[in-house]
Amino acid sequence: MSTESLTKEADGREPEEAGSETAAIPPQGSGEEALDPIAALTAERDQLAAEKADLQDRFLRSQAEFQNSRKRAERERAEFAEYASTEAVRALLPILDDFERAIKTESSDREFSKGMGLIYQRFYDSLKKLGLEPIVSTGQPFDPHVHHAVEMVETEEAPDHTVLEEYQRGYNFKGRLLRPAMVKVAVEPGSQK
């Protein structure tokens, strides 16, 4: 028996030709085919992970945006409830002014004046409970944020830009300016020219 037939009988294969090395190396195509599905799965996994991160980020942002809008709505609702009576109180201020003028006028009927004073006091106290606060102006430095200068008088008897007289009282409502005070302001002589 020849060596070729011995090799064939032992392995059950055909003997390889001398100098042929291609049979010992596996074909290149089969390894690439095995790597392509893994690379495709890896790329798909990475894409899905990126989409998940994007969706999670969008979800967290929308959740934070919702929380902010809810807090803003609660704050606006609280402010509205706190200052809802502002316009009603503003509409009642001329009546309060009329009461003040009526009390200051002389009357021969003492009981009538006393009754007007009591009504004024009850009315004023009710508005004060709601949050009305008078602005003290006479003798104070002129502040354009709370005073409306109706008249400016040159005088040396008071410091420059001091409120001399109050024509109409100003009011704050719960810490906010409701109506500025109409006042007469002192200025230094010769400064108006």
C-alpha atoms as a PDB file:
ATOM      1  CA  MET A   1       0.000   0.000   0.000  1.00  0.00           C
ATOM      2  CA  SER A   2       1.085   3.370  -0.758  1.00  0.00           C
ATOM      3  CA  THR A   3       1.285   6.229   1.706  1.00  0.00           C
ATOM      4  CA  GLU A   4      -1.618   7.927   0.016  1.00  0.00           C
ATOM      5  CA  SER A   5      -3.940   5.014   0.592  1.00  0.00           C
ATOM      6  CA  LEU A   6      -2.838   4.695   4.241  1.00  0.00           C
ATOM      7  CA  THR A   7      -3.668   8.297   4.871  1.00  0.00           C
ATOM      8  CA  LYS A   8      -6.995   7.825   3.104  1.00  0.00           C
ATOM      9  CA  GLU A   9      -7.891   4.798   5.147  1.00  0.00           C
ATOM     10  CA  ALA A  10      -6.880   6.316   8.491  1.00  0.00           C
ATOM     11  CA  ASP A  11      -8.715   9.615   8.072  1.00  0.00           C
ATOM     12  CA  GLY A  12     -11.354   8.539   5.636  1.00  0.00           C
ATOM     13  CA  ARG A  13     -10.408  11.599   3.567  1.00  0.00           C
ATOM     14  CA  GLU A  14      -8.697  12.165   0.333  1.00  0.00           C
ATOM     15  CA  PRO A  15      -5.009  12.962   0.700  1.00  0.00           C
ATOM     16  CA  GLU A  16      -4.166  16.609   0.175  1.00  0.00           C
ATOM     17  CA  GLU A  17      -2.129  17.614  -2.712  1.00  0.00           C
ATOM     18  CA  ALA A  18       1.378  18.592  -1.977  1.00  0.00           C
ATOM     19  CA  GLY A  19       1.894  22.359  -1.759  1.00  0.00           C
ATOM     20  CA  SER A  20      -1.808  23.108  -1.252  1.00  0.00           C
ATOM     21  CA  GLU A  21      -2.170  25.123   1.955  1.00  0.00           C
ATOM     22  CA  THR A  22      -5.703  26.424   1.335  1.00  0.00           C
ATOM     23  CA  ALA A  23      -7.347  23.343   2.802  1.00  0.00           C
ATOM     24  CA  ALA A  24      -5.734  23.916   6.230  1.00  0.00           C
ATOM     25  CA  ILE A  25      -6.931  27.547   6.521  1.00  0.00           C
ATOM     26  CA  PRO A  26     -10.679  28.028   6.939  1.00  0.00           C
ATOM     27  CA  PRO A  27     -12.313  30.218   4.311  1.00  0.00           C
ATOM     28  CA  GLN A  28     -12.361  33.957   5.110  1.00  0.00           C
ATOM     29  CA  GLY A  29     -15.994  34.424   4.166  1.00  0.00           C
ATOM     30  CA  SER A  30     -17.348  32.239   6.976  1.00  0.00           C
ATOM     31  CA  GLY A  31     -15.627  34.330   9.755  1.00  0.00           C
ATOM     32  CA  GLU A  32     -16.904  37.650   8.363  1.00  0.00           C
ATOM     33  CA  GLU A  33     -20.425  36.292   8.142  1.00  0.00           C
ATOM     34  CA  ALA A  34     -20.239  35.380  11.846  1.00  0.00           C
ATOM     35  CA  LEU A  35     -18.935  38.886  12.768  1.00  0.00           C
ATOM     36  CA  ASP A  36     -21.577  40.819  10.746  1.00  0.00           C
ATOM     37  CA  PRO A  37     -24.590  39.732  12.875  1.00  0.00           C
ATOM     38  CA  ILE A  38     -22.692  40.597  16.079  1.00  0.00           C
ATOM     39  CA  ALA A  39     -21.702  44.022  14.719  1.00  0.00           C
ATOM     40  CA  ALA A  40     -25.268  44.629  13.555  1.00  0.00           C
ATOM     41  CA  LEU A  41     -26.668  43.655  16.954  1.00  0.00           C
ATOM     42  CA  THR A  42     -24.107  45.841  18.716  1.00  0.00           C
ATOM     43  CA  ALA A  43     -24.983  48.812  16.497  1.00  0.00           C
ATOM     44  CA  GLU A  44     -28.698  48.229  17.069  1.00  0.00           C
ATOM     45  CA  ARG A  45     -28.115  47.975  20.828  1.00  0.00           C
ATOM     46  CA  ASP A  46     -26.166  51.244  20.812  1.00  0.00           C
ATOM     47  CA  GLN A  47     -28.892  52.948  18.774  1.00  0.00           C
ATOM     48  CA  LEU A  48     -31.609  51.704  21.153  1.00  0.00           C
ATOM     49  CA  ALA A  49     -29.577  52.823  24.176  1.00  0.00           C
ATOM     50  CA  ALA A  50     -29.182  56.299  22.649  1.00  0.00           C
ATOM     51  CA  GLU A  51     -32.916  56.476  21.895  1.00  0.00           C
ATOM     52  CA  LYS A  52     -33.684  55.365  25.457  1.00  0.00           C
ATOM     53  CA  ALA A  53     -31.381  58.041  26.893  1.00  0.00           C
ATOM     54  CA  ASP A  54     -32.990  60.668  24.626  1.00  0.00           C
ATOM     55  CA  LEU A  55     -36.507  59.611  25.634  1.00  0.00           C
ATOM     56  CA  GLN A  56     -35.564  59.556  29.301  1.00  0.00           C
ATOM     57  CA  ASP A  57     -34.045  63.032  29.004  1.00  0.00           C
ATOM     58  CA  ARG A  58     -37.175  64.338  27.238  1.00  0.00           C
ATOM     59  CA  PHE A  59     -39.365  62.720  29.897  1.00  0.00           C
ATOM     60  CA  LEU A  60     -37.394  64.317  32.742  1.00  0.00           C
ATOM     61  CA  ARG A  61     -37.491  67.714  31.028  1.00  0.00           C
ATOM     62  CA  SER A  62     -41.244  67.524  30.431  1.00  0.00           C
ATOM     63  CA  GLN A  63     -41.773  66.394  34.024  1.00  0.00           C
ATOM     64  CA  ALA A  64     -39.721  69.357  35.318  1.00  0.00           C
ATOM     65  CA  GLU A  65     -41.592  71.697  32.962  1.00  0.00           C
ATOM     66  CA  PHE A  66     -44.903  70.382  34.280  1.00  0.00           C
ATOM     67  CA  GLN A  67     -43.785  70.867  37.895  1.00  0.00           C
ATOM     68  CA  ASN A  68     -42.684  74.434  37.129  1.00  0.00           C
ATOM     69  CA  SER A  69     -45.963  75.288  35.421  1.00  0.00           C
ATOM     70  CA  ARG A  70     -47.923  73.773  38.319  1.00  0.00           C
ATOM     71  CA  LYS A  71     -45.959  75.836  40.841  1.00  0.00           C
ATOM     72  CA  ARG A  72     -46.391  78.965  38.706  1.00  0.00           C
ATOM     73  CA  ALA A  73     -50.154  78.372  38.493  1.00  0.00           C
ATOM     74  CA  GLU A  74     -50.367  77.882  42.272  1.00  0.00           C
ATOM     75  CA  ARG A  75     -48.378  81.085  42.861  1.00  0.00           C
ATOM     76  CA  GLU A  76     -50.592  83.047  40.444  1.00  0.00           C
ATOM     77  CA  ARG A  77     -53.721  81.635  42.070  1.00  0.00           C
ATOM     78  CA  ALA A  78     -52.453  82.639  45.526  1.00  0.00           C
ATOM     79  CA  GLU A  79     -51.599  86.153  44.285  1.00  0.00           C
ATOM     80  CA  PHE A  80     -55.000  86.471  42.653  1.00  0.00           C
ATOM     81  CA  ALA A  81     -56.740  85.414  45.857  1.00  0.00           C
ATOM     82  CA  GLU A  82     -54.612  87.807  47.902  1.00  0.00           C
ATOM     83  CA  TYR A  83     -55.114  90.801  45.634  1.00  0.00           C
ATOM     84  CA  ALA A  84     -58.599  90.035  44.260  1.00  0.00           C
ATOM     85  CA  SER A  85     -60.173  92.754  46.382  1.00  0.00           C
ATOM     86  CA  THR A  86     -57.760  95.443  45.122  1.00  0.00           C
ATOM     87  CA  GLU A  87     -60.170  96.879  42.567  1.00  0.00           C
ATOM     88  CA  ALA A  88     -63.080  96.817  45.018  1.00  0.00           C
ATOM     89  CA  VAL A  89     -61.038  98.712  47.616  1.00  0.00           C
ATOM     90  CA  ARG A  90     -59.827 101.168  44.948  1.00  0.00           C
ATOM     91  CA  ALA A  91     -63.466 101.861  44.017  1.00  0.00           C
ATOM     92  CA  LEU A  92     -64.284 102.561  47.696  1.00  0.00           C
ATOM     93  CA  LEU A  93     -61.459 105.087  48.221  1.00  0.00           C
ATOM     94  CA  PRO A  94     -63.455 108.094  46.888  1.00  0.00           C
ATOM     95  CA  ILE A  95     -66.183 107.283  49.424  1.00  0.00           C
ATOM     96  CA  LEU A  96     -63.570 107.186  52.178  1.00  0.00           C
ATOM     97  CA  ASP A  97     -62.275 110.578  50.962  1.00  0.00           C
ATOM     98  CA  ASP A  98     -65.819 111.991  51.015  1.00  0.00           C
ATOM     99  CA  PHE A  99     -66.267 110.791  54.590  1.00  0.00           C
ATOM    100  CA  GLU A 100     -63.003 112.497  55.608  1.00  0.00           C
ATOM    101  CA  ARG A 101     -64.121 115.785  54.012  1.00  0.00           C
ATOM    102  CA  ALA A 102     -67.559 115.513  55.640  1.00  0.00           C
ATOM    103  CA  ILE A 103     -66.019 115.021  59.080  1.00  0.00           C
ATOM    104  CA  LYS A 104     -63.714 118.043  58.619  1.00  0.00           C
ATOM    105  CA  THR A 105     -66.592 120.403  57.808  1.00  0.00           C
ATOM    106  CA  GLU A 106     -68.255 122.274  60.646  1.00  0.00           C
ATOM    107  CA  SER A 107     -71.794 121.237  61.513  1.00  0.00           C
ATOM    108  CA  SER A 108     -74.224 122.715  64.020  1.00  0.00           C
ATOM    109  CA  ASP A 109     -75.674 119.279  64.770  1.00  0.00           C
ATOM    110  CA  ARG A 110     -73.226 117.627  67.137  1.00  0.00           C
ATOM    111  CA  GLU A 111     -74.967 114.213  67.002  1.00  0.00           C
ATOM    112  CA  PHE A 112     -74.855 114.173  63.204  1.00  0.00           C
ATOM    113  CA  SER A 113     -71.087 114.874  63.231  1.00  0.00           C
ATOM    114  CA  LYS A 114     -70.551 112.162  65.856  1.00  0.00           C
ATOM    115  CA  GLY A 115     -72.574 109.644  63.775  1.00  0.00           C
ATOM    116  CA  MET A 116     -70.592 110.517  60.629  1.00  0.00           C
ATOM    117  CA  GLY A 117     -67.366 109.998  62.578  1.00  0.00           C
ATOM    118  CA  LEU A 118     -68.504 106.561  63.795  1.00  0.00           C
ATOM    119  CA  ILE A 119     -69.553 105.453  60.298  1.00  0.00           C
ATOM    120  CA  TYR A 120     -66.236 106.687  58.903  1.00  0.00           C
ATOM    121  CA  GLN A 121     -64.281 104.824  61.596  1.00  0.00           C
ATOM    122  CA  ARG A 122     -66.132 101.531  61.005  1.00  0.00           C
ATOM    123  CA  PHE A 123     -65.695 101.862  57.258  1.00  0.00           C
ATOM    124  CA  TYR A 124     -61.987 102.683  57.603  1.00  0.00           C
ATOM    125  CA  ASP A 125     -61.411  99.799  60.058  1.00  0.00           C
ATOM    126  CA  SER A 126     -63.130  97.357  57.684  1.00  0.00           C
ATOM    127  CA  LEU A 127     -60.880  98.433  54.803  1.00  0.00           C
ATOM    128  CA  LYS A 128     -57.846  98.267  57.071  1.00  0.00           C
ATOM    129  CA  LYS A 129     -58.676  94.637  57.938  1.00  0.00           C
ATOM    130  CA  LEU A 130     -58.702  93.846  54.238  1.00  0.00           C
ATOM    131  CA  GLY A 131     -55.160  95.249  53.912  1.00  0.00           C
ATOM    132  CA  LEU A 132     -55.533  98.996  53.298  1.00  0.00           C
ATOM    133  CA  GLU A 133     -52.622 101.021  54.729  1.00  0.00           C
ATOM    134  CA  PRO A 134     -52.445 104.852  54.635  1.00  0.00           C
ATOM    135  CA  ILE A 135     -49.256 106.505  53.404  1.00  0.00           C
ATOM    136  CA  VAL A 136     -47.929 109.105  55.821  1.00  0.00           C
ATOM    137  CA  SER A 137     -46.813 112.063  53.714  1.00  0.00           C
ATOM    138  CA  THR A 138     -46.771 115.385  55.587  1.00  0.00           C
ATOM    139  CA  GLY A 139     -43.261 116.249  56.766  1.00  0.00           C
ATOM    140  CA  GLN A 140     -41.707 113.349  54.838  1.00  0.00           C
ATOM    141  CA  PRO A 141     -39.202 113.664  51.975  1.00  0.00           C
ATOM    142  CA  PHE A 142     -40.861 113.671  48.565  1.00  0.00           C
ATOM    143  CA  ASP A 143     -40.836 110.194  46.987  1.00  0.00           C
ATOM    144  CA  PRO A 144     -42.063 110.061  43.376  1.00  0.00           C
ATOM    145  CA  HIS A 145     -42.985 106.396  43.851  1.00  0.00           C
ATOM    146  CA  VAL A 146     -45.652 107.167  46.466  1.00  0.00           C
ATOM    147  CA  HIS A 147     -46.304 110.913  46.031  1.00  0.00           C
ATOM    148  CA  HIS A 148     -47.841 112.884  43.192  1.00  0.00           C
ATOM    149  CA  ALA A 149     -46.664 116.517  43.363  1.00  0.00           C
ATOM    150  CA  VAL A 150     -49.623 118.770  42.590  1.00  0.00           C
ATOM    151  CA  GLU A 151     -47.972 121.981  43.736  1.00  0.00           C
ATOM    152  CA  MET A 152     -44.398 123.103  44.388  1.00  0.00           C
ATOM    153  CA  VAL A 153     -43.853 126.045  46.734  1.00  0.00           C
ATOM    154  CA  GLU A 154     -40.610 127.970  47.233  1.00  0.00           C
ATOM    155  CA  THR A 155     -39.946 128.264  50.941  1.00  0.00           C
ATOM    156  CA  GLU A 156     -37.080 128.395  53.392  1.00  0.00           C
ATOM    157  CA  GLU A 157     -39.211 127.124  56.288  1.00  0.00           C
ATOM    158  CA  ALA A 158     -38.868 123.471  55.219  1.00  0.00           C
ATOM    159  CA  PRO A 159     -36.017 121.457  53.706  1.00  0.00           C
ATOM    160  CA  ASP A 160     -35.895 121.070  49.942  1.00  0.00           C
ATOM    161  CA  HIS A 161     -38.249 118.405  48.513  1.00  0.00           C
ATOM    162  CA  THR A 162     -40.239 117.951  51.721  1.00  0.00           C
ATOM    163  CA  VAL A 163     -43.984 117.341  51.635  1.00  0.00           C
ATOM    164  CA  LEU A 164     -45.722 120.384  53.165  1.00  0.00           C
ATOM    165  CA  GLU A 165     -49.353 119.422  52.780  1.00  0.00           C
ATOM    166  CA  GLU A 166     -51.423 116.445  51.686  1.00  0.00           C
ATOM    167  CA  TYR A 167     -54.350 117.182  49.363  1.00  0.00           C
ATOM    168  CA  GLN A 168     -55.447 113.581  48.963  1.00  0.00           C
ATOM    169  CA  ARG A 169     -54.200 110.705  51.098  1.00  0.00           C
ATOM    170  CA  GLY A 170     -52.324 107.897  49.395  1.00  0.00           C
ATOM    171  CA  TYR A 171     -52.797 104.231  50.234  1.00  0.00           C
ATOM    172  CA  ASN A 172     -50.985 100.917  49.976  1.00  0.00           C
ATOM    173  CA  PHE A 173     -52.920  97.683  49.739  1.00  0.00           C
ATOM    174  CA  LYS A 174     -51.146  94.652  51.198  1.00  0.00           C
ATOM    175  CA  GLY A 175     -47.774  96.270  50.633  1.00  0.00           C
ATOM    176  CA  ARG A 176     -48.448  97.451  47.066  1.00  0.00           C
ATOM    177  CA  LEU A 177     -49.178 101.020  46.048  1.00  0.00           C
ATOM    178  CA  LEU A 178     -52.910 101.436  45.495  1.00  0.00           C
ATOM    179  CA  ARG A 179     -53.054 105.193  45.053  1.00  0.00           C
ATOM    180  CA  PRO A 180     -50.275 107.813  45.327  1.00  0.00           C
ATOM    181  CA  ALA A 181     -50.762 110.769  47.664  1.00  0.00           C
ATOM    182  CA  MET A 182     -51.421 114.181  46.062  1.00  0.00           C
ATOM    183  CA  VAL A 183     -49.118 116.600  47.858  1.00  0.00           C
ATOM    184  CA  LYS A 184     -47.655 120.102  48.009  1.00  0.00           C
ATOM    185  CA  VAL A 185     -43.845 120.023  47.993  1.00  0.00           C
ATOM    186  CA  ALA A 186     -41.313 122.553  49.299  1.00  0.00           C
ATOM    187  CA  VAL A 187     -38.441 123.636  47.057  1.00  0.00           C
ATOM    188  CA  GLU A 188     -35.525 125.976  47.611  1.00  0.00           C
ATOM    189  CA  PRO A 189     -36.141 129.583  46.591  1.00  0.00           C
ATOM    190  CA  GLY A 190     -34.841 130.305  43.087  1.00  0.00           C
ATOM    191  CA  SER A 191     -34.641 126.630  42.063  1.00  0.00           C
ATOM    192  CA  GLN A 192     -37.786 126.721  39.886  1.00  0.00           C
ATOM    193  CA  LYS A 193     -36.330 129.299  37.434  1.00  0.00           C
END
